[in-house]
Amino acid sequence: MKNINLVGLLTHAGHAYGAVNNEEREYIGTMEGAMMVDYAARIRRNGFAVSTVSVGSTPTAPFCAAVRGVTELRAGNYIFNDMTQISLGVAKLTDCALTVLATVISTSAKDRVIIDAGSKALALDKGAHGKNNIIGHGLIIGKKDRITRLSEEHGIIDNPKGKYRIGEKIRIIPNHACPVMNLFDYVYLVDKKEDSEKAPRSRRGKSD
């Protein structure tokens, strides 16, 4: 067709989120890159000047990027990382840049703490591709607790290991950064270490 210019090929190996270990991630990532390079070569042999071979997901990025012939890498989650990436062995806690700031609103029960962040703030993901390989709904920084369960507006910490008080601010690493970013109109950029009990003193900007 005269009016169509085929620029390149693009894929996303989302099934890597179902990988059970680093070896499987490496296999999926290497195959992702190799298959796309092969497809591009076939298309070129048929007379089409394909210049772009675009691959990538955060779990496969180091592996598909190493395949000769790949021209573009589109790993996206790496900019924040989250508990999903930790569960896959892609990132460590210190690599996670996105947190949700929440407030403790109830400590009335000895075995329960309630915060003001629920599924509308933290989303409901506990894994990907049908896998529930993450415990809880977010990890609380500086505590040894995870959010046990969620309603729309509230999070519950059952049998907390840490101590909490009403009004205390806590930071939560979400399970999946992507939907969490989509749930907010604004984010705060914190450019220095802040006391976890204080709201961040930083510029406010739109999430996009």
N, C-alpha and C. Protein backbone atom coordinates (compact mmCIF):
# COMPACT_ATOMS: atom_id res chain seq x y z
N MET A 1 0.86 -1.19 0.00
CA MET A 1 0.00 0.00 0.00
C MET A 1 0.89 1.23 0.00
N LYS A 2 0.72 2.10 -0.97
CA LYS A 2 1.63 3.22 -1.20
C LYS A 2 1.70 4.20 -0.03
N ASN A 3 0.62 4.37 0.69
CA ASN A 3 0.58 5.39 1.75
C ASN A 3 0.98 4.86 3.13
N ILE A 4 1.42 3.62 3.20
CA ILE A 4 1.85 3.06 4.48
C ILE A 4 3.36 2.85 4.45
N ASN A 5 4.02 3.41 5.45
CA ASN A 5 5.46 3.25 5.58
C ASN A 5 5.73 2.41 6.82
N LEU A 6 6.23 1.21 6.62
CA LEU A 6 6.53 0.31 7.73
C LEU A 6 7.85 0.73 8.37
N VAL A 7 7.76 1.28 9.57
CA VAL A 7 8.95 1.80 10.25
C VAL A 7 9.68 0.70 11.01
N GLY A 8 8.92 -0.17 11.67
CA GLY A 8 9.58 -1.19 12.46
C GLY A 8 8.62 -2.13 13.15
N LEU A 9 9.17 -2.90 14.07
CA LEU A 9 8.40 -3.88 14.84
C LEU A 9 8.49 -3.56 16.32
N LEU A 10 7.43 -3.88 17.05
CA LEU A 10 7.36 -3.58 18.47
C LEU A 10 6.71 -4.74 19.20
N THR A 11 7.26 -5.07 20.35
CA THR A 11 6.64 -6.11 21.18
C THR A 11 6.85 -5.80 22.65
N HIS A 12 6.08 -6.48 23.48
CA HIS A 12 6.21 -6.38 24.93
C HIS A 12 6.04 -7.77 25.51
N ALA A 13 7.08 -8.32 26.11
CA ALA A 13 7.04 -9.69 26.64
C ALA A 13 6.40 -9.69 28.02
N GLY A 14 5.12 -9.40 28.05
CA GLY A 14 4.42 -9.32 29.32
C GLY A 14 4.37 -10.63 30.08
N HIS A 15 4.53 -11.75 29.36
CA HIS A 15 4.49 -13.04 30.04
C HIS A 15 5.69 -13.24 30.95
N ALA A 16 6.68 -12.34 30.86
CA ALA A 16 7.82 -12.42 31.78
C ALA A 16 7.39 -12.19 33.23
N TYR A 17 6.25 -11.53 33.42
CA TYR A 17 5.75 -11.32 34.78
C TYR A 17 5.26 -12.60 35.42
N GLY A 18 5.17 -13.65 34.63
CA GLY A 18 4.82 -14.96 35.18
C GLY A 18 6.03 -15.84 35.43
N ALA A 19 7.23 -15.29 35.22
CA ALA A 19 8.45 -16.06 35.40
C ALA A 19 8.62 -16.44 36.87
N VAL A 20 9.21 -17.60 37.10
CA VAL A 20 9.38 -18.09 38.48
C VAL A 20 10.79 -17.89 39.00
N ASN A 21 11.75 -17.54 38.12
CA ASN A 21 13.12 -17.31 38.57
C ASN A 21 13.86 -16.47 37.53
N ASN A 22 15.09 -16.07 37.86
CA ASN A 22 15.88 -15.23 36.96
C ASN A 22 16.24 -15.94 35.67
N GLU A 23 16.45 -17.26 35.73
CA GLU A 23 16.78 -18.02 34.53
C GLU A 23 15.65 -17.97 33.52
N GLU A 24 14.42 -18.05 34.02
CA GLU A 24 13.27 -17.98 33.11
C GLU A 24 13.12 -16.58 32.52
N ARG A 25 13.37 -15.55 33.35
CA ARG A 25 13.33 -14.18 32.83
C ARG A 25 14.38 -13.99 31.73
N GLU A 26 15.57 -14.54 31.95
CA GLU A 26 16.64 -14.42 30.96
C GLU A 26 16.26 -15.11 29.66
N TYR A 27 15.67 -16.29 29.77
CA TYR A 27 15.25 -17.03 28.57
C TYR A 27 14.19 -16.24 27.80
N ILE A 28 13.18 -15.74 28.51
CA ILE A 28 12.11 -14.99 27.85
C ILE A 28 12.67 -13.74 27.20
N GLY A 29 13.54 -13.01 27.91
CA GLY A 29 14.11 -11.78 27.37
C GLY A 29 14.98 -12.02 26.15
N THR A 30 15.80 -13.06 26.20
CA THR A 30 16.67 -13.37 25.07
C THR A 30 15.86 -13.78 23.86
N MET A 31 14.84 -14.60 24.08
CA MET A 31 13.97 -15.02 22.99
C MET A 31 13.19 -13.84 22.42
N GLU A 32 12.77 -12.94 23.28
CA GLU A 32 12.05 -11.75 22.84
C GLU A 32 12.89 -10.98 21.82
N GLY A 33 14.15 -10.71 22.18
CA GLY A 33 15.01 -9.97 21.28
C GLY A 33 15.34 -10.74 20.02
N ALA A 34 15.67 -12.02 20.17
CA ALA A 34 16.07 -12.83 19.02
C ALA A 34 14.94 -13.01 18.01
N MET A 35 13.74 -13.25 18.49
CA MET A 35 12.60 -13.43 17.60
C MET A 35 12.31 -12.16 16.81
N MET A 36 12.37 -11.02 17.48
CA MET A 36 12.07 -9.76 16.79
C MET A 36 13.14 -9.41 15.75
N VAL A 37 14.40 -9.67 16.09
CA VAL A 37 15.47 -9.43 15.12
C VAL A 37 15.29 -10.34 13.91
N ASP A 38 14.90 -11.58 14.16
CA ASP A 38 14.67 -12.53 13.06
C ASP A 38 13.51 -12.09 12.18
N TYR A 39 12.40 -11.65 12.80
CA TYR A 39 11.25 -11.18 12.03
C TYR A 39 11.62 -9.98 11.18
N ALA A 40 12.39 -9.05 11.76
CA ALA A 40 12.81 -7.86 11.02
C ALA A 40 13.66 -8.24 9.82
N ALA A 41 14.55 -9.21 9.99
CA ALA A 41 15.40 -9.67 8.89
C ALA A 41 14.56 -10.27 7.76
N ARG A 42 13.55 -11.05 8.12
CA ARG A 42 12.68 -11.65 7.11
C ARG A 42 11.96 -10.56 6.31
N ILE A 43 11.47 -9.54 7.03
CA ILE A 43 10.74 -8.46 6.36
C ILE A 43 11.67 -7.69 5.42
N ARG A 44 12.91 -7.45 5.87
CA ARG A 44 13.87 -6.74 5.02
C ARG A 44 14.18 -7.54 3.76
N ARG A 45 14.27 -8.86 3.89
CA ARG A 45 14.54 -9.70 2.72
C ARG A 45 13.40 -9.63 1.70
N ASN A 46 12.23 -9.21 2.17
CA ASN A 46 11.08 -9.08 1.28
C ASN A 46 10.89 -7.65 0.77
N GLY A 47 11.94 -6.83 0.97
CA GLY A 47 11.95 -5.52 0.35
C GLY A 47 11.46 -4.36 1.19
N PHE A 48 11.27 -4.58 2.49
CA PHE A 48 10.80 -3.48 3.35
C PHE A 48 11.94 -3.02 4.26
N ALA A 49 12.21 -1.73 4.26
CA ALA A 49 13.33 -1.17 5.03
C ALA A 49 12.93 -0.94 6.48
N VAL A 50 12.86 -1.99 7.25
CA VAL A 50 12.50 -1.90 8.67
C VAL A 50 13.72 -1.40 9.45
N SER A 51 13.59 -0.23 10.07
CA SER A 51 14.73 0.35 10.78
C SER A 51 14.67 0.17 12.29
N THR A 52 13.47 -0.04 12.85
CA THR A 52 13.30 -0.10 14.30
C THR A 52 12.90 -1.50 14.75
N VAL A 53 13.63 -2.01 15.72
CA VAL A 53 13.26 -3.25 16.38
C VAL A 53 13.13 -2.91 17.86
N SER A 54 11.90 -2.76 18.32
CA SER A 54 11.61 -2.23 19.65
C SER A 54 11.11 -3.32 20.58
N VAL A 55 11.78 -3.48 21.71
CA VAL A 55 11.45 -4.56 22.64
C VAL A 55 11.41 -4.02 24.06
N GLY A 56 11.01 -4.88 24.98
CA GLY A 56 11.28 -4.55 26.37
C GLY A 56 10.10 -4.56 27.32
N SER A 57 10.37 -5.10 28.46
CA SER A 57 9.59 -4.92 29.67
C SER A 57 10.65 -4.82 30.75
N THR A 58 10.30 -4.32 31.90
CA THR A 58 11.32 -4.18 32.95
C THR A 58 11.95 -5.52 33.34
N PRO A 59 11.19 -6.61 33.49
CA PRO A 59 11.83 -7.88 33.85
C PRO A 59 12.78 -8.43 32.79
N THR A 60 12.53 -8.13 31.50
CA THR A 60 13.36 -8.71 30.44
C THR A 60 14.40 -7.74 29.90
N ALA A 61 14.37 -6.49 30.31
CA ALA A 61 15.21 -5.45 29.71
C ALA A 61 16.69 -5.79 29.60
N PRO A 62 17.34 -6.29 30.66
CA PRO A 62 18.79 -6.53 30.55
C PRO A 62 19.13 -7.59 29.51
N PHE A 63 18.20 -8.48 29.23
CA PHE A 63 18.47 -9.61 28.36
C PHE A 63 18.13 -9.33 26.90
N CYS A 64 16.95 -8.76 26.65
CA CYS A 64 16.60 -8.47 25.26
C CYS A 64 17.45 -7.33 24.71
N ALA A 65 17.88 -6.40 25.57
CA ALA A 65 18.72 -5.29 25.12
C ALA A 65 20.10 -5.78 24.67
N ALA A 66 20.52 -6.95 25.15
CA ALA A 66 21.84 -7.49 24.81
C ALA A 66 21.85 -8.20 23.46
N VAL A 67 20.68 -8.38 22.85
CA VAL A 67 20.60 -9.08 21.57
C VAL A 67 20.98 -8.12 20.44
N ARG A 68 21.96 -8.49 19.66
CA ARG A 68 22.42 -7.66 18.56
C ARG A 68 21.31 -7.52 17.52
N GLY A 69 21.03 -6.30 17.12
CA GLY A 69 19.97 -6.04 16.15
C GLY A 69 18.78 -5.34 16.77
N VAL A 70 18.65 -5.39 18.09
CA VAL A 70 17.62 -4.62 18.79
C VAL A 70 18.03 -3.15 18.78
N THR A 71 17.11 -2.27 18.41
CA THR A 71 17.45 -0.84 18.30
C THR A 71 16.77 0.04 19.34
N GLU A 72 15.75 -0.48 20.03
CA GLU A 72 15.01 0.35 20.99
C GLU A 72 14.56 -0.50 22.17
N LEU A 73 14.70 0.07 23.36
CA LEU A 73 14.29 -0.60 24.60
C LEU A 73 13.23 0.24 25.29
N ARG A 74 12.09 -0.37 25.64
CA ARG A 74 10.99 0.39 26.21
C ARG A 74 10.61 -0.12 27.61
N ALA A 75 11.57 -0.38 28.44
CA ALA A 75 11.25 -0.75 29.83
C ALA A 75 10.65 0.48 30.52
N GLY A 76 9.53 0.31 31.19
CA GLY A 76 8.85 1.47 31.77
C GLY A 76 8.80 1.47 33.28
N ASN A 77 8.53 0.33 33.89
CA ASN A 77 8.34 0.28 35.34
C ASN A 77 9.62 0.59 36.11
N TYR A 78 10.77 0.41 35.45
CA TYR A 78 12.07 0.57 36.12
C TYR A 78 12.24 1.96 36.74
N ILE A 79 11.55 2.96 36.21
CA ILE A 79 11.74 4.33 36.72
C ILE A 79 11.30 4.44 38.18
N PHE A 80 10.36 3.58 38.60
CA PHE A 80 9.91 3.57 39.99
C PHE A 80 10.27 2.26 40.70
N ASN A 81 10.01 1.14 40.02
CA ASN A 81 10.05 -0.19 40.64
C ASN A 81 8.96 -0.32 41.71
N ASP A 82 8.70 -1.54 42.16
CA ASP A 82 7.61 -1.78 43.09
C ASP A 82 7.75 -3.18 43.67
N MET A 83 6.76 -3.60 44.45
CA MET A 83 6.84 -4.91 45.08
C MET A 83 6.76 -6.06 44.06
N THR A 84 6.14 -5.82 42.93
CA THR A 84 6.12 -6.83 41.88
C THR A 84 7.53 -7.09 41.35
N GLN A 85 8.27 -6.02 41.09
CA GLN A 85 9.65 -6.18 40.60
C GLN A 85 10.52 -6.86 41.66
N ILE A 86 10.29 -6.53 42.92
CA ILE A 86 11.03 -7.18 44.00
C ILE A 86 10.73 -8.67 44.02
N SER A 87 9.45 -9.03 43.87
CA SER A 87 9.07 -10.45 43.91
C SER A 87 9.68 -11.23 42.75
N LEU A 88 9.98 -10.55 41.64
CA LEU A 88 10.57 -11.20 40.48
C LEU A 88 12.10 -11.23 40.54
N GLY A 89 12.67 -10.56 41.54
CA GLY A 89 14.12 -10.50 41.66
C GLY A 89 14.75 -9.45 40.78
N VAL A 90 13.93 -8.53 40.26
CA VAL A 90 14.43 -7.48 39.36
C VAL A 90 15.01 -6.31 40.15
N ALA A 91 14.43 -6.02 41.30
CA ALA A 91 14.82 -4.84 42.08
C ALA A 91 14.91 -5.18 43.56
N LYS A 92 15.57 -4.28 44.30
CA LYS A 92 15.63 -4.36 45.77
C LYS A 92 14.80 -3.23 46.35
N LEU A 93 14.55 -3.29 47.65
CA LEU A 93 13.76 -2.24 48.30
C LEU A 93 14.36 -0.86 48.06
N THR A 94 15.68 -0.78 48.09
CA THR A 94 16.34 0.51 47.92
C THR A 94 16.24 1.04 46.50
N ASP A 95 15.76 0.20 45.56
CA ASP A 95 15.58 0.65 44.18
C ASP A 95 14.19 1.26 43.95
N CYS A 96 13.32 1.16 44.93
CA CYS A 96 11.93 1.62 44.76
C CYS A 96 11.81 3.11 45.05
N ALA A 97 11.37 3.87 44.05
CA ALA A 97 11.33 5.33 44.18
C ALA A 97 9.93 5.87 44.45
N LEU A 98 8.89 5.07 44.23
CA LEU A 98 7.52 5.55 44.39
C LEU A 98 6.93 5.03 45.70
N THR A 99 6.40 5.92 46.51
CA THR A 99 5.68 5.53 47.72
C THR A 99 4.37 6.29 47.81
N VAL A 100 3.43 5.70 48.51
CA VAL A 100 2.16 6.35 48.82
C VAL A 100 2.22 6.80 50.27
N LEU A 101 1.96 8.09 50.51
CA LEU A 101 1.97 8.63 51.87
C LEU A 101 0.57 8.52 52.45
N ALA A 102 0.45 7.83 53.57
CA ALA A 102 -0.86 7.62 54.19
C ALA A 102 -0.80 8.02 55.66
N THR A 103 -1.97 8.15 56.25
CA THR A 103 -2.09 8.56 57.65
C THR A 103 -2.78 7.48 58.46
N VAL A 104 -2.25 7.21 59.63
CA VAL A 104 -2.91 6.27 60.55
C VAL A 104 -4.12 6.97 61.16
N ILE A 105 -5.29 6.35 61.06
CA ILE A 105 -6.51 6.99 61.56
C ILE A 105 -7.17 6.21 62.69
N SER A 106 -6.70 4.99 62.96
CA SER A 106 -7.27 4.23 64.08
C SER A 106 -6.28 3.20 64.59
N THR A 107 -6.15 3.15 65.90
CA THR A 107 -5.36 2.10 66.56
C THR A 107 -6.15 1.55 67.73
N SER A 108 -7.46 1.62 67.61
CA SER A 108 -8.33 1.28 68.75
C SER A 108 -8.27 -0.19 69.12
N ALA A 109 -8.06 -1.04 68.14
CA ALA A 109 -7.96 -2.48 68.42
C ALA A 109 -6.50 -2.88 68.53
N LYS A 110 -6.17 -3.72 69.49
CA LYS A 110 -4.78 -4.13 69.69
C LYS A 110 -4.22 -4.89 68.49
N ASP A 111 -5.10 -5.56 67.77
CA ASP A 111 -4.63 -6.39 66.66
C ASP A 111 -4.92 -5.78 65.29
N ARG A 112 -5.20 -4.44 65.26
CA ARG A 112 -5.57 -3.84 63.98
C ARG A 112 -5.23 -2.36 63.94
N VAL A 113 -4.67 -1.93 62.82
CA VAL A 113 -4.41 -0.51 62.55
C VAL A 113 -5.11 -0.16 61.24
N ILE A 114 -5.74 1.01 61.19
CA ILE A 114 -6.44 1.44 59.99
C ILE A 114 -5.77 2.70 59.45
N ILE A 115 -5.55 2.74 58.13
CA ILE A 115 -4.97 3.91 57.48
C ILE A 115 -5.95 4.47 56.44
N ASP A 116 -5.68 5.67 55.98
CA ASP A 116 -6.61 6.33 55.05
C ASP A 116 -6.26 6.11 53.58
N ALA A 117 -5.66 4.97 53.25
CA ALA A 117 -5.36 4.63 51.86
C ALA A 117 -5.91 3.24 51.58
N GLY A 118 -6.83 3.15 50.63
CA GLY A 118 -7.43 1.87 50.28
C GLY A 118 -7.14 1.49 48.85
N SER A 119 -8.05 0.76 48.23
CA SER A 119 -7.83 0.28 46.87
C SER A 119 -7.80 1.41 45.85
N LYS A 120 -8.43 2.55 46.17
CA LYS A 120 -8.40 3.69 45.26
C LYS A 120 -7.06 4.40 45.28
N ALA A 121 -6.20 4.04 46.20
CA ALA A 121 -4.86 4.63 46.27
C ALA A 121 -3.77 3.60 45.96
N LEU A 122 -3.97 2.36 46.40
CA LEU A 122 -2.93 1.34 46.29
C LEU A 122 -3.20 0.30 45.21
N ALA A 123 -4.39 0.33 44.62
CA ALA A 123 -4.83 -0.68 43.65
C ALA A 123 -4.89 -2.06 44.32
N LEU A 124 -5.29 -3.06 43.57
CA LEU A 124 -5.54 -4.37 44.16
C LEU A 124 -4.57 -5.45 43.68
N ASP A 125 -3.59 -5.09 42.89
CA ASP A 125 -2.66 -6.07 42.33
C ASP A 125 -1.90 -6.82 43.43
N LYS A 126 -1.77 -8.12 43.25
CA LYS A 126 -0.93 -8.94 44.15
C LYS A 126 -0.02 -9.85 43.33
N GLY A 127 0.20 -9.47 42.10
CA GLY A 127 1.01 -10.24 41.19
C GLY A 127 0.56 -9.96 39.77
N ALA A 128 0.98 -10.77 38.83
CA ALA A 128 0.60 -10.57 37.43
C ALA A 128 0.38 -11.92 36.77
N HIS A 129 -0.40 -11.89 35.69
CA HIS A 129 -0.69 -13.10 34.91
C HIS A 129 -1.26 -14.22 35.77
N GLY A 130 -2.19 -13.83 36.65
CA GLY A 130 -2.87 -14.82 37.46
C GLY A 130 -2.09 -15.31 38.67
N LYS A 131 -0.91 -14.72 38.89
CA LYS A 131 -0.10 -15.15 40.03
C LYS A 131 -0.30 -14.20 41.21
N ASN A 132 -0.59 -14.76 42.36
CA ASN A 132 -0.67 -13.98 43.59
C ASN A 132 0.57 -14.29 44.43
N ASN A 133 1.71 -13.76 43.98
CA ASN A 133 2.98 -14.10 44.62
C ASN A 133 3.47 -13.01 45.57
N ILE A 134 2.61 -12.02 45.86
CA ILE A 134 2.98 -10.94 46.77
C ILE A 134 2.10 -11.01 48.00
N ILE A 135 2.71 -10.90 49.16
CA ILE A 135 1.96 -10.90 50.42
C ILE A 135 1.48 -9.49 50.70
N GLY A 136 0.19 -9.33 50.92
CA GLY A 136 -0.36 -8.03 51.29
C GLY A 136 -0.52 -7.07 50.12
N HIS A 137 -0.82 -5.82 50.45
CA HIS A 137 -1.13 -4.80 49.45
C HIS A 137 -0.18 -3.62 49.51
N GLY A 138 1.05 -3.85 49.92
CA GLY A 138 2.03 -2.78 50.00
C GLY A 138 2.86 -2.91 51.26
N LEU A 139 4.14 -2.57 51.14
CA LEU A 139 5.07 -2.67 52.27
C LEU A 139 5.27 -1.30 52.91
N ILE A 140 5.18 -1.24 54.24
CA ILE A 140 5.34 0.03 54.96
C ILE A 140 6.82 0.23 55.26
N ILE A 141 7.37 1.32 54.77
CA ILE A 141 8.79 1.62 54.98
C ILE A 141 9.06 1.91 56.45
N GLY A 142 10.14 1.33 56.97
CA GLY A 142 10.53 1.56 58.35
C GLY A 142 9.79 0.69 59.34
N LYS A 143 8.84 -0.10 58.87
CA LYS A 143 8.12 -1.04 59.73
C LYS A 143 8.33 -2.44 59.17
N LYS A 144 7.88 -3.43 59.87
CA LYS A 144 7.95 -4.80 59.36
C LYS A 144 6.57 -5.30 59.00
N ASP A 145 5.75 -4.36 58.51
CA ASP A 145 4.36 -4.69 58.23
C ASP A 145 4.00 -4.44 56.77
N ARG A 146 3.00 -5.18 56.32
CA ARG A 146 2.39 -4.97 55.03
C ARG A 146 0.90 -4.68 55.24
N ILE A 147 0.30 -4.01 54.26
CA ILE A 147 -1.14 -3.76 54.32
C ILE A 147 -1.84 -5.10 54.10
N THR A 148 -2.63 -5.53 55.07
CA THR A 148 -3.23 -6.86 55.01
C THR A 148 -4.42 -6.92 54.06
N ARG A 149 -5.30 -5.94 54.13
CA ARG A 149 -6.51 -5.94 53.31
C ARG A 149 -6.95 -4.51 53.05
N LEU A 150 -7.80 -4.35 52.02
CA LEU A 150 -8.22 -3.03 51.59
C LEU A 150 -9.72 -2.95 51.41
N SER A 151 -10.30 -1.82 51.78
CA SER A 151 -11.60 -1.42 51.27
C SER A 151 -11.29 -0.32 50.25
N GLU A 152 -12.30 0.34 49.72
CA GLU A 152 -12.02 1.38 48.73
C GLU A 152 -11.22 2.53 49.33
N GLU A 153 -11.55 2.92 50.55
CA GLU A 153 -10.95 4.12 51.13
C GLU A 153 -9.98 3.86 52.27
N HIS A 154 -9.90 2.63 52.76
CA HIS A 154 -9.08 2.35 53.93
C HIS A 154 -8.23 1.09 53.75
N GLY A 155 -7.08 1.11 54.41
CA GLY A 155 -6.23 -0.06 54.47
C GLY A 155 -6.17 -0.58 55.89
N ILE A 156 -6.07 -1.88 56.02
CA ILE A 156 -6.04 -2.52 57.34
C ILE A 156 -4.71 -3.24 57.52
N ILE A 157 -4.09 -3.03 58.68
CA ILE A 157 -2.89 -3.77 59.07
C ILE A 157 -3.30 -4.68 60.21
N ASP A 158 -3.41 -5.95 59.95
CA ASP A 158 -3.79 -6.91 60.99
C ASP A 158 -2.56 -7.38 61.75
N ASN A 159 -2.70 -7.50 63.06
CA ASN A 159 -1.61 -7.98 63.92
C ASN A 159 -0.28 -7.29 63.61
N PRO A 160 -0.25 -5.97 63.72
CA PRO A 160 0.97 -5.22 63.35
C PRO A 160 2.16 -5.57 64.24
N LYS A 161 3.33 -5.61 63.61
CA LYS A 161 4.57 -5.84 64.35
C LYS A 161 5.13 -4.52 64.87
N GLY A 162 4.93 -3.46 64.09
CA GLY A 162 5.42 -2.15 64.49
C GLY A 162 4.42 -1.42 65.37
N LYS A 163 4.86 -0.30 65.94
CA LYS A 163 4.00 0.55 66.75
C LYS A 163 3.50 1.72 65.92
N TYR A 164 2.22 2.06 66.10
CA TYR A 164 1.61 3.13 65.33
C TYR A 164 0.82 4.03 66.28
N ARG A 165 0.66 5.28 65.86
CA ARG A 165 -0.19 6.19 66.62
C ARG A 165 -1.07 6.98 65.65
N ILE A 166 -2.21 7.38 66.12
CA ILE A 166 -3.15 8.13 65.29
C ILE A 166 -2.49 9.42 64.81
N GLY A 167 -2.62 9.69 63.52
CA GLY A 167 -2.02 10.88 62.92
C GLY A 167 -0.64 10.65 62.34
N GLU A 168 -0.04 9.50 62.62
CA GLU A 168 1.30 9.19 62.11
C GLU A 168 1.26 9.03 60.59
N LYS A 169 2.25 9.58 59.91
CA LYS A 169 2.37 9.44 58.46
C LYS A 169 3.27 8.23 58.15
N ILE A 170 2.83 7.41 57.24
CA ILE A 170 3.62 6.25 56.83
C ILE A 170 3.77 6.26 55.32
N ARG A 171 4.89 5.73 54.86
CA ARG A 171 5.14 5.59 53.42
C ARG A 171 5.00 4.13 53.03
N ILE A 172 4.30 3.89 51.92
CA ILE A 172 4.00 2.53 51.48
C ILE A 172 4.55 2.32 50.07
N ILE A 173 5.34 1.26 49.89
CA ILE A 173 5.76 0.87 48.54
C ILE A 173 4.64 0.03 47.96
N PRO A 174 4.00 0.48 46.87
CA PRO A 174 2.87 -0.27 46.32
C PRO A 174 3.31 -1.54 45.61
N ASN A 175 2.36 -2.44 45.43
CA ASN A 175 2.64 -3.67 44.70
C ASN A 175 2.92 -3.41 43.23
N HIS A 176 2.17 -2.47 42.64
CA HIS A 176 2.29 -2.19 41.20
C HIS A 176 2.23 -0.68 40.98
N ALA A 177 3.37 -0.12 40.59
CA ALA A 177 3.48 1.33 40.45
C ALA A 177 2.59 1.89 39.34
N CYS A 178 2.38 1.13 38.27
CA CYS A 178 1.67 1.66 37.10
C CYS A 178 0.23 2.08 37.40
N PRO A 179 -0.63 1.21 37.96
CA PRO A 179 -1.98 1.65 38.26
C PRO A 179 -2.03 2.69 39.37
N VAL A 180 -1.07 2.63 40.30
CA VAL A 180 -1.05 3.64 41.37
C VAL A 180 -0.83 5.03 40.78
N MET A 181 0.11 5.17 39.85
CA MET A 181 0.32 6.45 39.20
C MET A 181 -0.93 6.92 38.47
N ASN A 182 -1.65 5.97 37.89
CA ASN A 182 -2.86 6.30 37.14
C ASN A 182 -3.99 6.77 38.05
N LEU A 183 -3.93 6.43 39.34
CA LEU A 183 -5.01 6.78 40.27
C LEU A 183 -4.89 8.19 40.83
N PHE A 184 -3.76 8.86 40.59
CA PHE A 184 -3.53 10.18 41.18
C PHE A 184 -3.36 11.24 40.10
N ASP A 185 -3.85 12.45 40.39
CA ASP A 185 -3.66 13.58 39.48
C ASP A 185 -2.35 14.29 39.71
N TYR A 186 -1.83 14.20 40.94
CA TYR A 186 -0.60 14.89 41.29
C TYR A 186 0.31 13.97 42.09
N VAL A 187 1.62 14.22 41.95
CA VAL A 187 2.60 13.51 42.78
C VAL A 187 3.56 14.55 43.35
N TYR A 188 4.23 14.19 44.44
CA TYR A 188 5.25 15.05 45.04
C TYR A 188 6.62 14.45 44.74
N LEU A 189 7.52 15.31 44.30
CA LEU A 189 8.90 14.90 44.11
C LEU A 189 9.69 15.28 45.35
N VAL A 190 10.22 14.27 46.04
CA VAL A 190 10.99 14.49 47.25
C VAL A 190 12.46 14.40 46.88
N ASP A 191 13.20 15.50 47.05
CA ASP A 191 14.57 15.53 46.58
C ASP A 191 15.60 15.40 47.70
N LYS A 192 15.11 15.08 48.90
CA LYS A 192 16.03 14.83 50.00
C LYS A 192 15.34 13.93 51.00
N LYS A 193 16.11 13.35 51.91
CA LYS A 193 15.53 12.44 52.89
C LYS A 193 14.60 13.20 53.80
N GLU A 194 13.38 12.70 53.94
CA GLU A 194 12.37 13.35 54.76
C GLU A 194 12.01 12.45 55.94
N ASP A 195 11.64 13.07 57.02
CA ASP A 195 11.11 12.31 58.15
C ASP A 195 9.82 11.66 57.71
N SER A 196 9.69 10.35 57.92
CA SER A 196 8.50 9.62 57.46
C SER A 196 7.23 10.09 58.14
N GLU A 197 7.37 10.87 59.21
CA GLU A 197 6.18 11.34 59.91
C GLU A 197 5.77 12.74 59.46
N LYS A 198 6.49 13.31 58.48
CA LYS A 198 6.17 14.63 57.99
C LYS A 198 5.78 14.54 56.52
N ALA A 199 4.86 15.40 56.11
CA ALA A 199 4.49 15.45 54.71
C ALA A 199 5.66 15.99 53.90
N PRO A 200 5.87 15.52 52.68
CA PRO A 200 6.99 15.98 51.88
C PRO A 200 6.88 17.46 51.55
N ARG A 201 7.98 18.21 51.73
CA ARG A 201 8.00 19.65 51.43
C ARG A 201 8.63 19.82 50.06
N SER A 202 7.85 19.61 49.03
CA SER A 202 8.40 19.65 47.69
C SER A 202 7.37 20.16 46.70
N ARG A 203 7.83 20.42 45.49
CA ARG A 203 6.94 20.96 44.47
C ARG A 203 5.93 19.93 44.05
N ARG A 204 4.74 20.40 43.76
CA ARG A 204 3.69 19.50 43.30
C ARG A 204 3.61 19.58 41.79
N GLY A 205 3.49 18.44 41.14
CA GLY A 205 3.41 18.44 39.68
C GLY A 205 2.44 17.39 39.22
N LYS A 206 1.91 17.56 38.02
CA LYS A 206 1.00 16.57 37.47
C LYS A 206 1.74 15.28 37.19
N SER A 207 1.03 14.16 37.36
CA SER A 207 1.66 12.86 37.23
C SER A 207 2.09 12.56 35.80
N ASP A 208 1.54 13.29 34.82
CA ASP A 208 1.94 13.03 33.43
C ASP A 208 3.03 13.99 33.00
